Each structure stands twice: as C-alpha cells, then as structure tokens.
C-alpha cells in the first residue's frame, strides 16, 4: 500500500487556503462600498471576474480528486466540502451579477437630465445594488465558514492506526481507507503430507 502519511494534513491545508481566498474576496468587496457609495464599474468588473474564478477553482478541486483512483484514499469528505461551498459561492456570483447590472444602469444615466422618474429609478438601482452586494458578502462568509469547518473536521489518523481501531472507534471524516484484507484460503497441503487416517 502506498504511504499516505501527511496526505490528510495537505488536504486540510488546501481547504484552509480555499477558505482564505473566499475571505479575501469578501474583504475586497466590503471595502468597495459604503451605505452612501457603490463600487465603480472597473472595480466591480474585477470583483466579478474574481468570483467566477473562485467558482472555477472549486470545480477544479473536485475534478482533481474525483479522478484520483488511489485505493488507499477516500476523498469523500474533501469533495463534500468543496461541493457544499459551491452553493453559497453560486449565490454570491448571482447577487453580484445583479448588482453589476444596476451599476451599469447608473453609469448609463449618470449624465442624463434630471427628472423625477429618473431620480426614482436611480434611487431604486442604488438600493438594489446595495442589497445585492450585502447578500454577496453574506454568501462569501458562508462559503468561508463551510470550508473552514470542513477542514477542521478532516481526520488525520494514520491508516495503520485506523486498521487497529474497532469499527465504532474509527473516525468518519478520515480520508484514509483501511487496507483490503485478503480472502481466507484453505491451508496448503504439501504433496508429501499423508492424509490422516482413522485408526480402528
């Protein structure tokens, strides 16, 4: 069996790193707007590109592990962590895209002659953008927490110790599989061994 010592630690580190990426994206967005201001379209374009990049990163992480056929490793807990994070990240992208649309509207009519209707439309667009940005931030926080908690739960008990534990004592969130046991066979009898005979 291949020596997988330390693989659980590496997987935990990867999950922590992914969580950190989402936290960084959240901080970038939080710092780009206030209750009285919105990010400009250049900044928002960079944010949207970063968010879609994070979605791709998640799918790449899953694809890498789902195609790994190492019989000694079970990436189930790790894959579940990435796929669970994909839901809030998807909501973050959706909400930011809706905010992006409103920013485009505000940019389009920034210099249009002021009218009561346009004032109301601008205010509505501003409010929608604010709301969607807040939801984006909340979703990124959810993804961050999901990945951090999953990383915290990954068990690093070495395979040899797992094999020695009783079934009830084995951790459920281990990425290590137990070594497969060879099927029991009949004792091999050598050609010169006589068959025992019943004595009368």
N, C-alpha and C. Protein backbone atom coordinates (compact mmCIF):
# COMPACT_ATOMS: atom_id res chain seq x y z
N UNK A 1 0.85 -1.19 0.00
CA UNK A 1 0.00 0.00 0.00
C UNK A 1 0.89 1.24 0.00
N UNK A 2 0.51 2.23 -0.77
CA UNK A 2 1.28 3.47 -0.84
C UNK A 2 1.26 4.17 0.51
N UNK A 3 2.38 4.79 0.86
CA UNK A 3 2.45 5.53 2.12
C UNK A 3 1.76 6.88 1.93
N UNK A 4 0.65 7.08 2.65
CA UNK A 4 -0.10 8.33 2.53
C UNK A 4 0.11 9.24 3.73
N UNK A 5 1.18 9.02 4.48
CA UNK A 5 1.43 9.83 5.67
C UNK A 5 1.44 11.30 5.29
N UNK A 6 0.65 12.08 6.00
CA UNK A 6 0.62 13.52 5.78
C UNK A 6 -0.38 13.99 4.75
N UNK A 7 -1.04 13.06 4.03
CA UNK A 7 -1.97 13.49 2.99
C UNK A 7 -3.17 14.23 3.59
N UNK A 8 -3.63 13.77 4.75
CA UNK A 8 -4.75 14.45 5.39
C UNK A 8 -4.38 15.88 5.73
N UNK A 9 -3.15 16.08 6.21
CA UNK A 9 -2.69 17.43 6.52
C UNK A 9 -2.65 18.32 5.29
N UNK A 10 -2.23 17.75 4.17
CA UNK A 10 -2.19 18.51 2.92
C UNK A 10 -3.61 18.89 2.48
N UNK A 11 -4.55 17.97 2.62
CA UNK A 11 -5.93 18.27 2.24
C UNK A 11 -6.53 19.35 3.13
N UNK A 12 -6.21 19.28 4.43
CA UNK A 12 -6.68 20.32 5.34
C UNK A 12 -6.11 21.67 4.94
N UNK A 13 -4.83 21.71 4.61
CA UNK A 13 -4.19 22.97 4.21
C UNK A 13 -4.83 23.53 2.95
N UNK A 14 -5.17 22.65 2.00
CA UNK A 14 -5.82 23.10 0.76
C UNK A 14 -7.20 23.70 1.06
N UNK A 15 -7.93 23.09 1.96
CA UNK A 15 -9.25 23.62 2.32
C UNK A 15 -9.12 24.96 3.03
N UNK A 16 -8.14 25.07 3.92
CA UNK A 16 -7.91 26.36 4.61
C UNK A 16 -7.52 27.44 3.61
N UNK A 17 -6.71 27.08 2.62
CA UNK A 17 -6.28 28.05 1.61
C UNK A 17 -7.48 28.51 0.77
N UNK A 18 -8.34 27.56 0.41
CA UNK A 18 -9.54 27.93 -0.37
C UNK A 18 -10.44 28.85 0.45
N UNK A 19 -10.60 28.53 1.74
CA UNK A 19 -11.40 29.39 2.61
C UNK A 19 -10.81 30.79 2.68
N UNK A 20 -9.50 30.87 2.75
CA UNK A 20 -8.83 32.17 2.80
C UNK A 20 -9.08 32.98 1.53
N UNK A 21 -9.14 32.31 0.39
CA UNK A 21 -9.43 33.01 -0.87
C UNK A 21 -10.81 33.65 -0.84
N UNK A 22 -11.78 32.94 -0.27
CA UNK A 22 -13.13 33.49 -0.18
C UNK A 22 -13.20 34.64 0.82
N UNK A 23 -12.45 34.52 1.88
CA UNK A 23 -12.42 35.61 2.86
C UNK A 23 -11.77 36.85 2.27
N UNK A 24 -10.74 36.65 1.48
CA UNK A 24 -10.07 37.78 0.82
C UNK A 24 -11.01 38.46 -0.16
N UNK A 25 -11.76 37.68 -0.93
CA UNK A 25 -12.72 38.25 -1.87
C UNK A 25 -13.80 39.03 -1.13
N UNK A 26 -14.22 38.49 0.00
CA UNK A 26 -15.23 39.18 0.81
C UNK A 26 -14.72 40.53 1.29
N UNK A 27 -13.47 40.57 1.78
CA UNK A 27 -12.89 41.83 2.26
C UNK A 27 -12.78 42.85 1.14
N UNK A 28 -12.41 42.38 -0.05
CA UNK A 28 -12.29 43.28 -1.20
C UNK A 28 -13.63 43.94 -1.52
N UNK A 29 -14.68 43.16 -1.49
CA UNK A 29 -16.00 43.70 -1.81
C UNK A 29 -16.50 44.61 -0.69
N UNK A 30 -16.31 44.19 0.55
CA UNK A 30 -16.75 45.02 1.68
C UNK A 30 -16.10 46.40 1.63
N UNK A 31 -14.84 46.43 1.25
CA UNK A 31 -14.12 47.71 1.22
C UNK A 31 -14.44 48.59 0.03
N UNK A 32 -15.27 48.08 -0.89
CA UNK A 32 -15.53 48.83 -2.12
C UNK A 32 -16.80 49.67 -2.08
N UNK A 33 -17.59 49.54 -1.02
CA UNK A 33 -18.84 50.32 -0.96
C UNK A 33 -19.18 50.66 0.48
N UNK A 34 -19.98 51.69 0.64
CA UNK A 34 -20.47 52.10 1.95
C UNK A 34 -21.99 52.26 1.84
N UNK A 35 -22.60 52.77 2.90
CA UNK A 35 -24.05 53.00 2.84
C UNK A 35 -24.40 54.11 1.87
N UNK A 36 -23.41 54.94 1.51
CA UNK A 36 -23.67 56.06 0.61
C UNK A 36 -22.94 55.97 -0.72
N UNK A 37 -22.24 54.87 -0.99
CA UNK A 37 -21.48 54.77 -2.23
C UNK A 37 -21.47 53.34 -2.74
N UNK A 38 -21.17 53.20 -4.03
CA UNK A 38 -21.08 51.89 -4.68
C UNK A 38 -19.75 51.79 -5.40
N UNK A 39 -19.27 50.57 -5.66
CA UNK A 39 -18.04 50.43 -6.44
C UNK A 39 -18.24 50.91 -7.87
N UNK A 40 -17.19 51.44 -8.48
CA UNK A 40 -17.30 51.81 -9.89
C UNK A 40 -17.26 50.53 -10.73
N UNK A 41 -17.55 50.68 -12.02
CA UNK A 41 -17.65 49.51 -12.88
C UNK A 41 -16.31 48.81 -13.11
N UNK A 42 -15.21 49.56 -13.06
CA UNK A 42 -13.90 48.92 -13.21
C UNK A 42 -13.66 47.99 -12.03
N UNK A 43 -13.87 48.50 -10.83
CA UNK A 43 -13.70 47.68 -9.62
C UNK A 43 -14.66 46.50 -9.62
N UNK A 44 -15.91 46.77 -9.98
CA UNK A 44 -16.92 45.71 -9.99
C UNK A 44 -16.58 44.63 -11.02
N UNK A 45 -16.02 45.04 -12.14
CA UNK A 45 -15.62 44.06 -13.16
C UNK A 45 -14.54 43.13 -12.63
N UNK A 46 -13.58 43.69 -11.90
CA UNK A 46 -12.53 42.87 -11.29
C UNK A 46 -13.12 41.92 -10.25
N UNK A 47 -14.07 42.44 -9.47
CA UNK A 47 -14.69 41.60 -8.44
C UNK A 47 -15.44 40.43 -9.07
N UNK A 48 -16.20 40.72 -10.13
CA UNK A 48 -16.98 39.67 -10.77
C UNK A 48 -16.07 38.62 -11.40
N UNK A 49 -14.98 39.06 -11.99
CA UNK A 49 -14.02 38.11 -12.57
C UNK A 49 -13.40 37.24 -11.48
N UNK A 50 -13.10 37.84 -10.33
CA UNK A 50 -12.52 37.08 -9.22
C UNK A 50 -13.52 36.04 -8.69
N UNK A 51 -14.79 36.43 -8.61
CA UNK A 51 -15.80 35.50 -8.11
C UNK A 51 -15.98 34.31 -9.05
N UNK A 52 -16.04 34.58 -10.34
CA UNK A 52 -16.18 33.47 -11.29
C UNK A 52 -14.93 32.59 -11.28
N UNK A 53 -13.78 33.20 -11.01
CA UNK A 53 -12.55 32.42 -10.88
C UNK A 53 -12.60 31.49 -9.69
N UNK A 54 -13.22 31.95 -8.60
CA UNK A 54 -13.35 31.10 -7.41
C UNK A 54 -14.26 29.90 -7.68
N UNK A 55 -15.30 30.12 -8.48
CA UNK A 55 -16.17 29.01 -8.86
C UNK A 55 -15.38 27.97 -9.64
N UNK A 56 -14.57 28.43 -10.58
CA UNK A 56 -13.74 27.52 -11.37
C UNK A 56 -12.76 26.77 -10.48
N UNK A 57 -12.18 27.48 -9.51
CA UNK A 57 -11.25 26.83 -8.59
C UNK A 57 -11.92 25.68 -7.84
N UNK A 58 -13.15 25.91 -7.39
CA UNK A 58 -13.87 24.85 -6.68
C UNK A 58 -14.09 23.64 -7.58
N UNK A 59 -14.53 23.88 -8.79
CA UNK A 59 -14.80 22.75 -9.69
C UNK A 59 -13.50 22.03 -10.04
N UNK A 60 -12.40 22.76 -10.17
CA UNK A 60 -11.11 22.12 -10.45
C UNK A 60 -10.66 21.24 -9.29
N UNK A 61 -10.89 21.71 -8.06
CA UNK A 61 -10.51 20.92 -6.88
C UNK A 61 -11.29 19.61 -6.84
N UNK A 62 -12.58 19.70 -7.15
CA UNK A 62 -13.41 18.48 -7.16
C UNK A 62 -12.96 17.54 -8.28
N UNK A 63 -12.73 18.09 -9.46
CA UNK A 63 -12.34 17.27 -10.60
C UNK A 63 -11.02 16.55 -10.34
N UNK A 64 -10.08 17.23 -9.72
CA UNK A 64 -8.79 16.64 -9.41
C UNK A 64 -8.93 15.42 -8.51
N UNK A 65 -9.82 15.52 -7.53
CA UNK A 65 -9.96 14.43 -6.56
C UNK A 65 -10.90 13.33 -7.05
N UNK A 66 -11.89 13.69 -7.83
CA UNK A 66 -12.85 12.68 -8.29
C UNK A 66 -12.21 11.74 -9.30
N UNK A 67 -11.13 12.19 -9.93
CA UNK A 67 -10.44 11.34 -10.92
C UNK A 67 -9.24 10.62 -10.32
N UNK A 68 -8.99 10.80 -9.03
CA UNK A 68 -7.89 10.11 -8.36
C UNK A 68 -8.37 8.74 -7.92
N UNK A 69 -7.80 7.70 -8.47
CA UNK A 69 -8.25 6.34 -8.19
C UNK A 69 -7.40 5.60 -7.17
N UNK A 70 -6.66 6.33 -6.36
CA UNK A 70 -5.82 5.69 -5.35
C UNK A 70 -6.70 4.90 -4.39
N UNK A 71 -6.54 3.57 -4.31
CA UNK A 71 -7.41 2.76 -3.46
C UNK A 71 -7.22 3.01 -1.96
N UNK A 72 -6.13 3.66 -1.60
CA UNK A 72 -5.88 3.91 -0.18
C UNK A 72 -6.47 5.21 0.33
N UNK A 73 -7.04 6.01 -0.56
CA UNK A 73 -7.56 7.31 -0.16
C UNK A 73 -9.05 7.43 -0.48
N UNK A 74 -9.76 8.07 0.43
CA UNK A 74 -11.18 8.34 0.24
C UNK A 74 -11.38 9.85 0.33
N UNK A 75 -11.57 10.50 -0.81
CA UNK A 75 -11.69 11.95 -0.83
C UNK A 75 -13.12 12.42 -0.60
N UNK A 76 -13.99 11.52 -0.19
CA UNK A 76 -15.39 11.88 0.05
C UNK A 76 -15.59 13.11 0.92
N UNK A 77 -14.96 13.16 2.11
CA UNK A 77 -15.15 14.33 2.97
C UNK A 77 -14.62 15.62 2.34
N UNK A 78 -13.54 15.51 1.58
CA UNK A 78 -12.94 16.71 0.96
C UNK A 78 -13.81 17.19 -0.19
N UNK A 79 -14.25 16.25 -1.02
CA UNK A 79 -15.12 16.61 -2.15
C UNK A 79 -16.42 17.23 -1.64
N UNK A 80 -16.97 16.65 -0.58
CA UNK A 80 -18.21 17.19 0.00
C UNK A 80 -18.01 18.62 0.48
N UNK A 81 -16.83 18.93 1.01
CA UNK A 81 -16.56 20.29 1.48
C UNK A 81 -16.59 21.28 0.32
N UNK A 82 -15.93 20.91 -0.78
CA UNK A 82 -15.90 21.81 -1.93
C UNK A 82 -17.28 21.95 -2.58
N UNK A 83 -18.00 20.86 -2.71
CA UNK A 83 -19.32 20.95 -3.34
C UNK A 83 -20.31 21.70 -2.45
N UNK A 84 -20.17 21.56 -1.13
CA UNK A 84 -21.04 22.30 -0.21
C UNK A 84 -20.79 23.81 -0.31
N UNK A 85 -19.52 24.17 -0.50
CA UNK A 85 -19.18 25.59 -0.63
C UNK A 85 -19.66 26.17 -1.95
N UNK A 86 -19.89 25.31 -2.94
CA UNK A 86 -20.27 25.81 -4.27
C UNK A 86 -21.64 26.49 -4.25
N UNK A 87 -22.54 26.06 -3.36
CA UNK A 87 -23.88 26.66 -3.31
C UNK A 87 -23.83 28.13 -2.89
N UNK A 88 -23.22 28.47 -1.74
CA UNK A 88 -23.14 29.89 -1.39
C UNK A 88 -22.31 30.70 -2.37
N UNK A 89 -21.29 30.10 -2.95
CA UNK A 89 -20.49 30.82 -3.95
C UNK A 89 -21.33 31.13 -5.18
N UNK A 90 -22.15 30.17 -5.59
CA UNK A 90 -23.05 30.41 -6.71
C UNK A 90 -24.01 31.56 -6.43
N UNK A 91 -24.52 31.61 -5.19
CA UNK A 91 -25.41 32.72 -4.82
C UNK A 91 -24.65 34.04 -4.83
N UNK A 92 -23.39 34.01 -4.41
CA UNK A 92 -22.58 35.22 -4.41
C UNK A 92 -22.42 35.76 -5.83
N UNK A 93 -22.15 34.86 -6.77
CA UNK A 93 -21.99 35.28 -8.17
C UNK A 93 -23.31 35.84 -8.71
N UNK A 94 -24.41 35.16 -8.41
CA UNK A 94 -25.72 35.62 -8.88
C UNK A 94 -26.03 37.02 -8.35
N UNK A 95 -25.83 37.21 -7.05
CA UNK A 95 -26.14 38.51 -6.44
C UNK A 95 -25.22 39.60 -6.95
N UNK A 96 -23.94 39.27 -7.12
CA UNK A 96 -23.02 40.30 -7.61
C UNK A 96 -23.35 40.66 -9.06
N UNK A 97 -23.78 39.68 -9.84
CA UNK A 97 -24.16 39.94 -11.23
C UNK A 97 -25.36 40.89 -11.28
N UNK A 98 -26.30 40.72 -10.37
CA UNK A 98 -27.46 41.61 -10.31
C UNK A 98 -27.05 43.02 -9.89
N UNK A 99 -26.11 43.10 -8.95
CA UNK A 99 -25.58 44.42 -8.57
C UNK A 99 -24.86 45.06 -9.75
N UNK A 100 -24.13 44.24 -10.48
CA UNK A 100 -23.38 44.69 -11.65
C UNK A 100 -24.31 45.32 -12.69
N UNK A 101 -25.47 44.69 -12.87
CA UNK A 101 -26.46 45.23 -13.81
C UNK A 101 -26.92 46.62 -13.38
N UNK A 102 -27.16 46.80 -12.09
CA UNK A 102 -27.60 48.10 -11.58
C UNK A 102 -26.50 49.16 -11.72
N UNK A 103 -25.26 48.75 -11.52
CA UNK A 103 -24.15 49.67 -11.70
C UNK A 103 -24.07 50.14 -13.15
N UNK A 104 -24.35 49.22 -14.07
CA UNK A 104 -24.37 49.58 -15.48
C UNK A 104 -25.46 50.58 -15.79
N UNK A 105 -26.62 50.40 -15.18
CA UNK A 105 -27.73 51.34 -15.37
C UNK A 105 -27.34 52.72 -14.84
N UNK A 106 -26.76 52.76 -13.65
CA UNK A 106 -26.37 54.05 -13.07
C UNK A 106 -25.30 54.74 -13.91
N UNK A 107 -24.40 53.97 -14.48
CA UNK A 107 -23.36 54.54 -15.36
C UNK A 107 -23.98 55.07 -16.65
N UNK A 108 -24.95 54.33 -17.17
CA UNK A 108 -25.59 54.72 -18.43
C UNK A 108 -26.30 56.06 -18.30
N UNK A 109 -26.96 56.30 -17.16
CA UNK A 109 -27.76 57.51 -17.00
C UNK A 109 -27.14 58.52 -16.03
N UNK A 110 -25.84 58.41 -15.83
CA UNK A 110 -25.16 59.30 -14.88
C UNK A 110 -25.28 60.77 -15.27
N UNK A 111 -25.27 61.04 -16.56
CA UNK A 111 -25.28 62.44 -17.02
C UNK A 111 -26.58 62.82 -17.72
N UNK A 112 -27.60 61.99 -17.57
CA UNK A 112 -28.89 62.30 -18.20
C UNK A 112 -29.57 63.43 -17.44
N UNK A 113 -30.39 64.24 -18.15
CA UNK A 113 -31.11 65.34 -17.49
C UNK A 113 -31.97 64.80 -16.33
N UNK A 114 -31.93 65.49 -15.23
CA UNK A 114 -32.65 65.05 -14.03
C UNK A 114 -34.15 65.19 -14.21
N UNK A 115 -34.85 64.13 -13.91
CA UNK A 115 -36.32 64.14 -13.87
C UNK A 115 -36.74 63.37 -12.63
N UNK A 116 -38.00 63.55 -12.26
CA UNK A 116 -38.50 62.84 -11.06
C UNK A 116 -38.43 61.33 -11.28
N UNK A 117 -38.83 60.89 -12.47
CA UNK A 117 -38.82 59.45 -12.75
C UNK A 117 -37.39 58.90 -12.73
N UNK A 118 -36.46 59.65 -13.33
CA UNK A 118 -35.08 59.18 -13.37
C UNK A 118 -34.48 59.16 -11.96
N UNK A 119 -34.83 60.14 -11.16
CA UNK A 119 -34.35 60.17 -9.77
C UNK A 119 -34.81 58.91 -9.03
N UNK A 120 -36.09 58.58 -9.21
CA UNK A 120 -36.63 57.38 -8.55
C UNK A 120 -35.94 56.12 -9.06
N UNK A 121 -35.69 56.06 -10.38
CA UNK A 121 -35.05 54.89 -10.97
C UNK A 121 -33.62 54.74 -10.47
N UNK A 122 -32.92 55.88 -10.36
CA UNK A 122 -31.54 55.84 -9.85
C UNK A 122 -31.52 55.37 -8.40
N UNK A 123 -32.46 55.90 -7.62
CA UNK A 123 -32.51 55.51 -6.20
C UNK A 123 -32.82 54.03 -6.06
N UNK A 124 -33.74 53.54 -6.89
CA UNK A 124 -34.09 52.13 -6.86
C UNK A 124 -32.89 51.27 -7.25
N UNK A 125 -32.17 51.68 -8.30
CA UNK A 125 -30.98 50.93 -8.73
C UNK A 125 -29.92 50.92 -7.64
N UNK A 126 -29.74 52.06 -6.99
CA UNK A 126 -28.76 52.14 -5.91
C UNK A 126 -29.13 51.18 -4.78
N UNK A 127 -30.41 51.18 -4.40
CA UNK A 127 -30.86 50.32 -3.30
C UNK A 127 -30.71 48.83 -3.64
N UNK A 128 -31.06 48.48 -4.88
CA UNK A 128 -30.94 47.09 -5.30
C UNK A 128 -29.48 46.67 -5.28
N UNK A 129 -28.60 47.53 -5.81
CA UNK A 129 -27.17 47.21 -5.83
C UNK A 129 -26.63 47.02 -4.41
N UNK A 130 -27.02 47.91 -3.51
CA UNK A 130 -26.59 47.79 -2.11
C UNK A 130 -27.04 46.45 -1.51
N UNK A 131 -28.29 46.13 -1.74
CA UNK A 131 -28.84 44.89 -1.20
C UNK A 131 -28.12 43.67 -1.75
N UNK A 132 -27.87 43.65 -3.06
CA UNK A 132 -27.19 42.51 -3.68
C UNK A 132 -25.74 42.40 -3.22
N UNK A 133 -25.09 43.52 -3.02
CA UNK A 133 -23.72 43.48 -2.51
C UNK A 133 -23.69 42.91 -1.10
N UNK A 134 -24.65 43.31 -0.28
CA UNK A 134 -24.72 42.76 1.08
C UNK A 134 -24.93 41.25 1.05
N UNK A 135 -25.80 40.79 0.15
CA UNK A 135 -26.06 39.36 0.03
C UNK A 135 -24.82 38.62 -0.48
N UNK A 136 -24.08 39.26 -1.38
CA UNK A 136 -22.85 38.67 -1.88
C UNK A 136 -21.86 38.44 -0.74
N UNK A 137 -21.70 39.46 0.08
CA UNK A 137 -20.78 39.39 1.22
C UNK A 137 -21.21 38.27 2.17
N UNK A 138 -22.51 38.18 2.43
CA UNK A 138 -23.01 37.13 3.33
C UNK A 138 -22.73 35.73 2.76
N UNK A 139 -22.92 35.57 1.46
CA UNK A 139 -22.69 34.27 0.83
C UNK A 139 -21.22 33.88 0.86
N UNK A 140 -20.34 34.85 0.65
CA UNK A 140 -18.90 34.56 0.72
C UNK A 140 -18.49 34.17 2.14
N UNK A 141 -19.11 34.80 3.12
CA UNK A 141 -18.84 34.43 4.51
C UNK A 141 -19.29 33.00 4.77
N UNK A 142 -20.44 32.64 4.23
CA UNK A 142 -20.95 31.27 4.40
C UNK A 142 -20.00 30.25 3.77
N UNK A 143 -19.50 30.57 2.58
CA UNK A 143 -18.55 29.66 1.92
C UNK A 143 -17.27 29.53 2.74
N UNK A 144 -16.79 30.63 3.26
CA UNK A 144 -15.59 30.63 4.10
C UNK A 144 -15.78 29.72 5.31
N UNK A 145 -16.89 29.89 6.00
CA UNK A 145 -17.16 29.09 7.20
C UNK A 145 -17.31 27.61 6.84
N UNK A 146 -17.99 27.33 5.73
CA UNK A 146 -18.18 25.94 5.29
C UNK A 146 -16.84 25.24 5.09
N UNK A 147 -15.93 25.90 4.40
CA UNK A 147 -14.62 25.30 4.11
C UNK A 147 -13.77 25.18 5.37
N UNK A 148 -13.80 26.20 6.21
CA UNK A 148 -13.02 26.15 7.46
C UNK A 148 -13.50 25.02 8.36
N UNK A 149 -14.79 24.91 8.53
CA UNK A 149 -15.33 23.85 9.39
C UNK A 149 -15.02 22.47 8.82
N UNK A 150 -15.12 22.34 7.51
CA UNK A 150 -14.80 21.05 6.88
C UNK A 150 -13.33 20.70 7.10
N UNK A 151 -12.46 21.68 6.96
CA UNK A 151 -11.03 21.44 7.18
C UNK A 151 -10.76 21.04 8.63
N UNK A 152 -11.44 21.69 9.55
CA UNK A 152 -11.26 21.38 10.98
C UNK A 152 -11.64 19.93 11.28
N UNK A 153 -12.62 19.40 10.54
CA UNK A 153 -13.14 18.05 10.84
C UNK A 153 -12.38 16.93 10.15
N UNK A 154 -11.57 17.24 9.13
CA UNK A 154 -10.84 16.18 8.44
C UNK A 154 -9.92 15.48 9.44
N UNK A 155 -10.03 14.16 9.50
CA UNK A 155 -9.24 13.40 10.48
C UNK A 155 -7.93 12.93 9.86
N UNK A 156 -6.86 13.06 10.62
CA UNK A 156 -5.55 12.68 10.11
C UNK A 156 -4.97 11.42 10.74
N UNK A 157 -5.83 10.59 11.33
CA UNK A 157 -5.35 9.35 11.93
C UNK A 157 -4.69 8.47 10.86
N UNK A 158 -3.43 8.07 11.06
CA UNK A 158 -2.73 7.25 10.05
C UNK A 158 -3.45 5.95 9.76
N UNK A 159 -3.31 5.44 8.53
CA UNK A 159 -4.02 4.21 8.14
C UNK A 159 -3.75 3.02 9.05
N UNK A 160 -2.50 2.87 9.53
CA UNK A 160 -2.18 1.70 10.38
C UNK A 160 -2.95 1.76 11.69
N UNK A 161 -3.10 2.97 12.23
CA UNK A 161 -3.86 3.11 13.48
C UNK A 161 -5.34 2.88 13.21
N UNK A 162 -5.83 3.37 12.08
CA UNK A 162 -7.23 3.13 11.72
C UNK A 162 -7.53 1.64 11.67
N UNK A 163 -6.60 0.89 11.11
CA UNK A 163 -6.80 -0.55 10.99
C UNK A 163 -6.88 -1.22 12.36
N UNK A 164 -6.21 -0.63 13.34
CA UNK A 164 -6.20 -1.23 14.68
C UNK A 164 -7.44 -0.86 15.50
N UNK A 165 -8.15 0.18 15.08
CA UNK A 165 -9.31 0.63 15.83
C UNK A 165 -10.51 -0.26 15.56
N UNK A 166 -11.39 -0.34 16.52
CA UNK A 166 -12.63 -1.08 16.28
C UNK A 166 -13.50 -0.26 15.33
N UNK A 167 -14.47 -0.92 14.72
CA UNK A 167 -15.32 -0.23 13.75
C UNK A 167 -16.00 0.99 14.37
N UNK A 168 -16.44 0.90 15.61
CA UNK A 168 -17.16 2.01 16.24
C UNK A 168 -16.22 3.15 16.62
N UNK A 169 -14.93 2.87 16.75
CA UNK A 169 -13.99 3.91 17.17
C UNK A 169 -13.36 4.64 15.99
N UNK A 170 -13.57 4.14 14.78
CA UNK A 170 -12.94 4.78 13.62
C UNK A 170 -13.61 6.10 13.30
N UNK A 171 -12.82 7.14 13.04
CA UNK A 171 -13.40 8.44 12.69
C UNK A 171 -14.10 8.37 11.33
N UNK A 172 -15.22 9.09 11.21
CA UNK A 172 -15.99 9.06 9.96
C UNK A 172 -15.40 10.00 8.91
N UNK A 173 -14.64 11.01 9.34
CA UNK A 173 -14.14 12.00 8.39
C UNK A 173 -12.68 11.79 8.04
N UNK A 174 -12.26 10.55 7.99
CA UNK A 174 -10.89 10.25 7.58
C UNK A 174 -10.83 10.10 6.07
N UNK A 175 -9.74 10.55 5.47
CA UNK A 175 -9.58 10.36 4.02
C UNK A 175 -8.86 9.06 3.72
N UNK A 176 -8.47 8.33 4.75
CA UNK A 176 -7.75 7.08 4.53
C UNK A 176 -8.71 5.90 4.52
N UNK A 177 -8.49 4.99 3.59
CA UNK A 177 -9.24 3.74 3.57
C UNK A 177 -8.42 2.68 4.31
N UNK A 178 -9.12 1.75 4.89
CA UNK A 178 -8.42 0.65 5.54
C UNK A 178 -7.85 -0.29 4.48
N UNK A 179 -6.70 -0.90 4.76
CA UNK A 179 -6.14 -1.85 3.80
C UNK A 179 -7.13 -2.98 3.55
N UNK A 180 -7.26 -3.41 2.30
CA UNK A 180 -8.17 -4.50 1.99
C UNK A 180 -7.58 -5.82 2.50
N UNK A 181 -8.45 -6.63 3.10
CA UNK A 181 -7.99 -7.91 3.64
C UNK A 181 -8.06 -8.97 2.54
N UNK A 182 -7.05 -9.80 2.50
CA UNK A 182 -7.04 -10.90 1.53
C UNK A 182 -8.06 -11.95 1.98
N UNK A 183 -8.75 -12.58 1.05
CA UNK A 183 -9.74 -13.60 1.43
C UNK A 183 -9.05 -14.80 2.08
N UNK A 184 -9.75 -15.35 3.07
CA UNK A 184 -9.19 -16.52 3.75
C UNK A 184 -9.14 -17.70 2.78
N UNK A 185 -8.07 -18.48 2.87
CA UNK A 185 -7.91 -19.63 1.97
C UNK A 185 -7.71 -20.89 2.80
N UNK A 186 -7.93 -22.03 2.16
CA UNK A 186 -7.69 -23.31 2.82
C UNK A 186 -6.18 -23.50 3.00
N UNK A 187 -5.76 -24.15 4.08
CA UNK A 187 -4.33 -24.41 4.26
C UNK A 187 -3.78 -25.21 3.08
N UNK A 188 -2.61 -24.86 2.65
CA UNK A 188 -1.99 -25.57 1.52
C UNK A 188 -1.34 -26.85 2.04
N UNK A 189 -1.70 -27.99 1.45
CA UNK A 189 -1.12 -29.25 1.88
C UNK A 189 0.00 -29.62 0.90
N UNK A 190 1.15 -29.92 1.46
CA UNK A 190 2.28 -30.31 0.62
C UNK A 190 2.05 -31.71 0.07
N UNK A 191 2.68 -31.99 -1.06
CA UNK A 191 2.45 -33.26 -1.75
C UNK A 191 2.84 -34.46 -0.90
N UNK A 192 3.86 -34.30 -0.07
CA UNK A 192 4.34 -35.44 0.68
C UNK A 192 3.62 -35.65 2.00
N UNK A 193 2.66 -34.75 2.33
CA UNK A 193 1.96 -34.90 3.61
C UNK A 193 0.86 -35.96 3.48
N UNK A 194 0.92 -36.97 4.29
CA UNK A 194 -0.11 -38.02 4.19
C UNK A 194 -1.44 -37.53 4.73
N UNK A 195 -2.49 -38.08 4.16
CA UNK A 195 -3.81 -37.77 4.65
C UNK A 195 -4.02 -38.58 5.92
N UNK A 196 -4.53 -37.93 6.97
CA UNK A 196 -4.73 -38.66 8.22
C UNK A 196 -5.79 -39.71 8.04
N UNK A 197 -5.52 -40.88 8.64
CA UNK A 197 -6.46 -41.97 8.50
C UNK A 197 -7.01 -42.32 9.87
N UNK A 198 -8.26 -42.76 9.84
CA UNK A 198 -8.88 -43.13 11.10
C UNK A 198 -8.33 -44.47 11.54
N UNK A 199 -7.91 -44.50 12.80
CA UNK A 199 -7.38 -45.77 13.34
C UNK A 199 -8.53 -46.57 13.91
N UNK A 200 -8.55 -47.86 13.57
CA UNK A 200 -9.62 -48.75 14.07
C UNK A 200 -9.15 -49.52 15.25
